[in-house]
Amino acid sequence: MLRWRLLSSFVLVSLLATAAYFDWHWGQPNSLAMPGIMALILLSLFAALAAIEFSLLTLPGLGGLPRHQAVMVFGTVLVVVSCCINSVLPSSWQAADGGGRWLLASLISGGVLSMGLEMLYFGRTEKPEPAHHVLGRIAATALAMGYVGIPLGVLGLLRQTPSNSFGLWALLTVLAIPKISDSGAFFVGRSLGRHKLIPRLSPGKTVEGAIGGFVFGVLGSLLMCYGIAPALFGLPVPLKLPLVIGYGLWIALAGMLGDLAESMFKRDARIKDSGGWLPGLGGMLDVVDSVLAASLAAYLFWQIVPVVAPNTTIP
């Protein structure tokens, strides 16, 4: 199991590193000057896979059919595309609000499709459906768009602001810090864990592991701010030290909550892994569960905290 986990992680990291390079390169003024093309493609793919898994968690108990799954997947991907596409559209099509109108249009479209599908087929079955199944399927589709689509779309919004290099770096922090925190929590929990955290949601998580996750989250934030930002992207250190620590703690906390939320969904559905796309890691939801919550936390953080201007030296 550990061998497959390491192999899948290596393949996934290699794919993301390659995609990040081309995304940054194509965002340069002397290239396509369209930052976020690769992010649009990969985030849409991740959203499709995660939405398929989420549909298998929610729809079977509600009498869901392939057509309901298709609407859920389409609506979720549409939300992600609406958030990511603004920077790759012709300037005359770009929304001044950074894509807010496209996001609103996608949410409306997904809701109309879900309700329209139910209205089209309502009452056609020989036996009446159990009460609240129609409402449940519409609610599940809306939840998929909110739980999977909006957080992955927010990663696309992070990618677009405020510059090509900073945007890609900010996106990578949301991918790296939760996973560094999760790895720290896993190893600390296995070696030192004694007290269960919330066993009814995730029996394997411990208080000691959570503390280790916070420590590793801070280390990941320090690495991304003091190492990756200047070394790979030529950026000044984006935050002063107290904020670097606070960012690591904030993203680690959000990642843990996202992990616990997905554990709740899986335990409710009586399954261990959301899928089997990645041997040793499970499904796409198992991979992005912490990232979903961390993306929202990071976006909120960067809306509140001022970024250090280029060429500014932090003492």
Protein backbone atom coordinates (compact mmCIF):
# COMPACT_ATOMS: atom_id res chain seq x y z
CA MET A 1 0.00 0.00 0.00
CA LEU A 2 2.78 2.45 0.91
CA ARG A 3 4.58 1.63 -2.37
CA TRP A 4 1.48 2.44 -4.42
CA ARG A 5 0.87 5.56 -2.34
CA LEU A 6 4.38 6.85 -3.05
CA LEU A 7 4.18 5.94 -6.75
CA SER A 8 0.81 7.66 -7.22
CA SER A 9 2.07 10.71 -5.32
CA PHE A 10 5.18 10.89 -7.54
CA VAL A 11 3.11 10.71 -10.72
CA LEU A 12 0.66 13.32 -9.47
CA VAL A 13 3.37 15.72 -8.30
CA SER A 14 5.25 15.31 -11.59
CA LEU A 15 2.08 16.10 -13.54
CA LEU A 16 1.34 19.17 -11.44
CA ALA A 17 4.94 20.44 -11.66
CA THR A 18 4.94 20.09 -15.46
CA ALA A 19 1.55 21.77 -15.75
CA ALA A 20 2.67 24.59 -13.43
CA TYR A 21 5.73 25.29 -15.58
CA PHE A 22 3.75 25.53 -18.82
CA ASP A 23 1.01 27.55 -17.12
CA TRP A 24 3.59 30.06 -15.92
CA HIS A 25 5.40 30.10 -19.30
CA TRP A 26 2.21 30.68 -21.30
CA GLY A 27 1.28 33.50 -18.94
CA GLN A 28 4.35 35.55 -19.92
CA PRO A 29 3.81 38.66 -22.08
CA ASN A 30 6.23 37.31 -24.72
CA SER A 31 4.24 34.07 -24.95
CA LEU A 32 0.45 33.64 -25.02
CA ALA A 33 -0.06 36.17 -22.18
CA MET A 34 -2.92 33.99 -20.95
CA PRO A 35 -2.14 32.86 -17.39
CA GLY A 36 -4.28 29.98 -16.24
CA ILE A 37 -4.75 27.90 -19.40
CA MET A 38 -3.28 24.74 -17.85
CA ALA A 39 -5.02 25.52 -14.56
CA LEU A 40 -8.32 25.69 -16.46
CA ILE A 41 -7.73 22.29 -18.05
CA LEU A 42 -6.50 20.48 -14.93
CA LEU A 43 -8.99 21.99 -12.51
CA SER A 44 -11.83 21.10 -14.89
CA LEU A 45 -10.54 17.52 -15.08
CA PHE A 46 -10.21 17.30 -11.30
CA ALA A 47 -13.72 18.73 -10.92
CA ALA A 48 -15.17 16.16 -13.31
CA LEU A 49 -13.55 13.23 -11.51
CA ALA A 50 -14.46 14.57 -8.06
CA ALA A 51 -18.05 15.24 -9.15
CA ILE A 52 -18.39 11.69 -10.49
CA GLU A 53 -17.27 10.36 -7.12
CA PHE A 54 -19.55 12.76 -5.25
CA SER A 55 -22.48 11.59 -7.36
CA LEU A 56 -21.71 8.00 -6.34
CA LEU A 57 -21.71 9.10 -2.70
CA THR A 58 -25.05 10.89 -2.87
CA LEU A 59 -27.27 9.85 -5.78
CA PRO A 60 -27.68 6.06 -5.38
CA GLY A 61 -29.68 6.48 -2.18
CA LEU A 62 -31.89 9.05 -3.92
CA GLY A 63 -32.79 6.94 -6.94
CA GLY A 64 -30.29 8.75 -9.12
CA LEU A 65 -29.82 7.67 -12.73
CA PRO A 66 -26.99 8.37 -15.20
CA ARG A 67 -28.81 11.48 -16.43
CA HIS A 68 -28.79 12.93 -12.91
CA GLN A 69 -25.08 12.14 -12.61
CA ALA A 70 -24.40 13.83 -15.95
CA VAL A 71 -26.14 17.03 -14.84
CA MET A 72 -24.23 17.04 -11.55
CA VAL A 73 -20.87 16.61 -13.29
CA PHE A 74 -21.67 19.16 -16.00
CA GLY A 75 -22.85 21.77 -13.50
CA THR A 76 -19.78 21.30 -11.30
CA VAL A 77 -17.33 21.59 -14.20
CA LEU A 78 -19.24 24.62 -15.52
CA VAL A 79 -18.67 26.41 -12.20
CA VAL A 80 -14.92 25.76 -12.39
CA VAL A 81 -14.70 26.89 -16.02
CA SER A 82 -16.63 30.07 -15.23
CA CYS A 83 -14.08 31.01 -12.57
CA CYS A 84 -11.00 30.17 -14.66
CA ILE A 85 -11.95 31.34 -18.12
CA ASN A 86 -11.89 35.12 -17.66
CA SER A 87 -8.13 35.46 -18.20
CA VAL A 88 -8.13 33.38 -21.39
CA LEU A 89 -11.04 35.17 -23.06
CA PRO A 90 -10.55 38.02 -25.55
CA SER A 91 -10.32 41.33 -23.71
CA SER A 92 -13.73 42.43 -25.00
CA TRP A 93 -15.31 39.39 -23.33
CA GLN A 94 -13.50 39.63 -20.01
CA ALA A 95 -15.63 40.59 -17.02
CA ALA A 96 -14.48 43.64 -15.09
CA ASP A 97 -15.34 41.86 -11.83
CA GLY A 98 -12.80 39.12 -12.52
CA GLY A 99 -15.37 36.57 -13.69
CA GLY A 100 -18.12 37.06 -11.13
CA ARG A 101 -20.82 37.31 -13.78
CA TRP A 102 -19.62 34.06 -15.38
CA LEU A 103 -19.79 32.32 -12.00
CA LEU A 104 -23.32 33.59 -11.39
CA ALA A 105 -24.37 32.44 -14.87
CA SER A 106 -22.92 28.97 -14.25
CA LEU A 107 -24.72 28.58 -10.92
CA ILE A 108 -28.01 29.62 -12.49
CA SER A 109 -27.46 27.29 -15.45
CA GLY A 110 -26.67 24.31 -13.23
CA GLY A 111 -29.70 24.93 -11.06
CA VAL A 112 -32.02 25.32 -14.04
CA LEU A 113 -30.68 22.13 -15.64
CA SER A 114 -31.16 20.13 -12.45
CA MET A 115 -34.69 21.38 -11.83
CA GLY A 116 -35.59 21.13 -15.50
CA LEU A 117 -34.48 17.51 -15.65
CA GLU A 118 -36.61 16.62 -12.65
CA MET A 119 -39.62 18.43 -14.08
CA LEU A 120 -39.18 16.68 -17.42
CA TYR A 121 -39.22 13.18 -15.93
CA PHE A 122 -41.39 13.75 -12.86
CA GLY A 123 -44.25 11.25 -12.61
CA ARG A 124 -43.16 9.12 -15.56
CA THR A 125 -42.17 6.09 -13.50
CA GLU A 126 -44.65 3.26 -12.95
CA LYS A 127 -44.23 3.46 -9.19
CA PRO A 128 -44.18 6.79 -7.37
CA GLU A 129 -40.76 7.74 -6.06
CA PRO A 130 -40.25 7.91 -2.30
CA ALA A 131 -40.87 11.29 -0.76
CA HIS A 132 -38.14 13.91 -1.05
CA HIS A 133 -36.07 12.04 -3.67
CA VAL A 134 -36.53 14.81 -6.23
CA LEU A 135 -35.68 17.47 -3.68
CA GLY A 136 -32.72 15.40 -2.53
CA ARG A 137 -31.27 15.07 -6.04
CA ILE A 138 -31.60 18.80 -6.72
CA ALA A 139 -29.98 19.56 -3.35
CA ALA A 140 -27.17 17.06 -4.04
CA THR A 141 -26.43 18.73 -7.37
CA ALA A 142 -26.37 22.16 -5.75
CA LEU A 143 -24.08 20.82 -3.02
CA ALA A 144 -21.69 19.33 -5.59
CA MET A 145 -21.46 22.70 -7.35
CA GLY A 146 -20.81 24.42 -4.02
CA TYR A 147 -18.63 21.81 -2.33
CA VAL A 148 -16.49 20.81 -5.33
CA GLY A 149 -17.03 23.40 -8.04
CA ILE A 150 -16.66 26.70 -6.17
CA PRO A 151 -13.48 25.76 -4.21
CA LEU A 152 -11.74 24.46 -7.33
CA GLY A 153 -12.96 27.52 -9.22
CA VAL A 154 -11.55 29.75 -6.49
CA LEU A 155 -8.14 28.19 -7.23
CA GLY A 156 -8.59 29.52 -10.75
CA LEU A 157 -9.36 32.98 -9.36
CA LEU A 158 -6.23 32.81 -7.20
CA ARG A 159 -4.24 31.92 -10.30
CA GLN A 160 -5.32 35.12 -12.05
CA THR A 161 -4.35 37.66 -9.39
CA PRO A 162 -2.46 39.88 -9.01
CA SER A 163 0.29 38.81 -11.44
CA ASN A 164 1.33 35.77 -13.42
CA SER A 165 4.10 34.67 -11.03
CA PHE A 166 2.30 35.53 -7.80
CA GLY A 167 -0.95 33.96 -8.97
CA LEU A 168 0.70 30.64 -9.76
CA TRP A 169 2.65 30.74 -6.49
CA ALA A 170 -0.52 31.45 -4.49
CA LEU A 171 -2.27 28.51 -6.17
CA LEU A 172 0.67 26.22 -5.38
CA THR A 173 0.58 27.18 -1.70
CA VAL A 174 -2.98 25.85 -1.53
CA LEU A 175 -1.85 22.57 -3.04
CA ALA A 176 1.38 22.20 -1.09
CA ILE A 177 0.67 23.40 2.47
CA PRO A 178 -2.37 21.15 3.15
CA LYS A 179 -0.53 18.11 1.78
CA ILE A 180 2.61 18.86 3.81
CA SER A 181 0.38 19.32 6.86
CA ASP A 182 -1.51 16.10 6.10
CA SER A 183 1.74 14.14 5.71
CA GLY A 184 3.04 15.53 9.01
CA ALA A 185 -0.22 14.64 10.75
CA PHE A 186 -0.06 11.11 9.31
CA PHE A 187 3.48 10.34 10.43
CA VAL A 188 3.23 12.07 13.82
CA GLY A 189 -0.11 10.39 14.46
CA ARG A 190 1.27 6.94 13.60
CA SER A 191 4.31 7.33 15.81
CA LEU A 192 2.99 9.39 18.73
CA GLY A 193 -0.78 9.33 18.47
CA ARG A 194 -2.59 8.33 21.68
CA HIS A 195 -5.74 10.45 21.91
CA LYS A 196 -8.44 10.22 19.26
CA LEU A 197 -9.49 13.51 17.66
CA ILE A 198 -13.05 12.88 16.39
CA PRO A 199 -13.39 9.10 16.12
CA ARG A 200 -16.99 9.19 14.92
CA LEU A 201 -15.82 10.99 11.78
CA SER A 202 -12.30 9.64 11.30
CA PRO A 203 -11.14 6.92 13.72
CA GLY A 204 -7.51 7.14 12.64
CA LYS A 205 -6.94 10.83 13.38
CA THR A 206 -5.42 11.81 16.72
CA VAL A 207 -4.85 15.00 18.69
CA GLU A 208 -1.10 14.45 18.46
CA GLY A 209 -1.37 14.04 14.70
CA ALA A 210 -3.36 17.28 14.43
CA ILE A 211 -0.66 19.14 16.38
CA GLY A 212 1.94 17.66 14.06
CA GLY A 213 -0.18 18.81 11.11
CA PHE A 214 -0.15 22.39 12.39
CA VAL A 215 3.63 22.29 12.87
CA PHE A 216 4.20 20.91 9.38
CA GLY A 217 1.71 23.41 7.97
CA VAL A 218 3.84 26.24 9.34
CA LEU A 219 6.97 24.60 7.93
CA GLY A 220 5.25 24.31 4.56
CA SER A 221 4.30 27.98 4.69
CA LEU A 222 7.88 28.96 5.54
CA LEU A 223 9.15 26.86 2.62
CA MET A 224 6.68 28.37 0.16
CA CYS A 225 7.27 31.97 1.30
CA TYR A 226 11.01 32.01 1.96
CA GLY A 227 12.14 29.30 -0.46
CA ILE A 228 9.81 28.72 -3.40
CA ALA A 229 8.61 32.33 -3.91
CA PRO A 230 12.06 33.93 -4.35
CA ALA A 231 13.92 30.90 -5.72
CA LEU A 232 11.51 29.72 -8.42
CA PHE A 233 9.37 32.78 -9.13
CA GLY A 234 11.74 35.65 -8.38
CA LEU A 235 9.24 37.18 -5.98
CA PRO A 236 9.97 39.11 -2.80
CA VAL A 237 8.94 37.31 0.35
CA PRO A 238 5.17 37.89 0.21
CA LEU A 239 4.54 38.10 3.98
CA LYS A 240 6.26 39.11 7.17
CA LEU A 241 7.20 36.27 9.49
CA PRO A 242 4.15 36.44 11.84
CA LEU A 243 1.84 36.35 8.84
CA VAL A 244 3.80 33.49 7.27
CA ILE A 245 3.20 31.49 10.46
CA GLY A 246 -0.43 32.57 10.60
CA TYR A 247 -0.95 31.61 6.94
CA GLY A 248 0.46 28.14 7.60
CA LEU A 249 -1.78 27.61 10.63
CA TRP A 250 -4.86 28.96 8.81
CA ILE A 251 -4.39 26.77 5.72
CA ALA A 252 -3.53 23.70 7.84
CA LEU A 253 -6.70 24.18 9.90
CA ALA A 254 -8.85 24.56 6.80
CA GLY A 255 -7.25 21.48 5.25
CA MET A 256 -8.01 19.40 8.35
CA LEU A 257 -11.63 20.53 8.34
CA GLY A 258 -11.91 19.68 4.66
CA ASP A 259 -10.49 16.23 5.31
CA LEU A 260 -12.97 15.63 8.13
CA ALA A 261 -15.88 16.82 5.98
CA GLU A 262 -15.09 14.28 3.28
CA SER A 263 -14.66 11.58 5.94
CA MET A 264 -18.18 12.38 7.12
CA PHE A 265 -19.56 11.99 3.59
CA LYS A 266 -17.77 8.66 3.14
CA ARG A 267 -18.88 7.27 6.48
CA ASP A 268 -22.44 8.29 5.71
CA ALA A 269 -22.19 6.42 2.39
CA ARG A 270 -20.53 3.43 4.13
CA ILE A 271 -17.42 3.44 1.93
CA LYS A 272 -13.70 3.68 2.69
CA ASP A 273 -12.41 5.54 -0.39
CA SER A 274 -14.28 7.84 -2.74
CA GLY A 275 -12.80 6.08 -5.78
CA GLY A 276 -9.89 4.13 -7.19
CA TRP A 277 -8.39 6.48 -9.77
CA LEU A 278 -5.09 6.71 -7.84
CA PRO A 279 -3.84 3.42 -6.33
CA GLY A 280 -2.78 3.93 -2.72
CA LEU A 281 -4.43 7.36 -2.53
CA GLY A 282 -8.02 6.47 -3.34
CA GLY A 283 -10.14 8.72 -5.50
CA MET A 284 -9.92 12.33 -6.60
CA LEU A 285 -12.05 13.49 -3.65
CA ASP A 286 -9.61 11.74 -1.31
CA VAL A 287 -6.79 13.78 -2.88
CA VAL A 288 -8.47 17.19 -3.01
CA ASP A 289 -10.59 17.02 0.16
CA SER A 290 -8.23 19.24 2.16
CA VAL A 291 -7.57 21.50 -0.84
CA LEU A 292 -11.28 22.28 -1.25
CA ALA A 293 -11.49 23.99 2.13
CA ALA A 294 -7.97 25.41 1.95
CA SER A 295 -8.69 27.20 -1.34
CA LEU A 296 -11.54 29.16 0.23
CA ALA A 297 -9.41 29.97 3.29
CA ALA A 298 -6.51 31.13 1.12
CA TYR A 299 -8.73 33.31 -1.08
CA LEU A 300 -10.20 34.98 2.01
CA PHE A 301 -6.71 35.46 3.45
CA TRP A 302 -5.36 37.16 0.33
CA GLN A 303 -8.42 39.42 0.12
CA ILE A 304 -7.69 40.70 3.64
CA VAL A 305 -3.90 40.63 3.98
CA PRO A 306 -1.88 43.06 1.82
CA VAL A 307 0.81 41.50 -0.34
CA VAL A 308 4.34 42.90 -0.17
CA ALA A 309 4.94 44.99 -3.28
CA PRO A 310 7.66 43.91 -5.74
CA ASN A 311 11.18 45.11 -4.94
CA THR A 312 10.21 45.57 -1.28
CA THR A 313 12.65 44.21 1.26
CA ILE A 314 11.32 42.75 4.48
CA PRO A 315 13.68 43.22 7.43
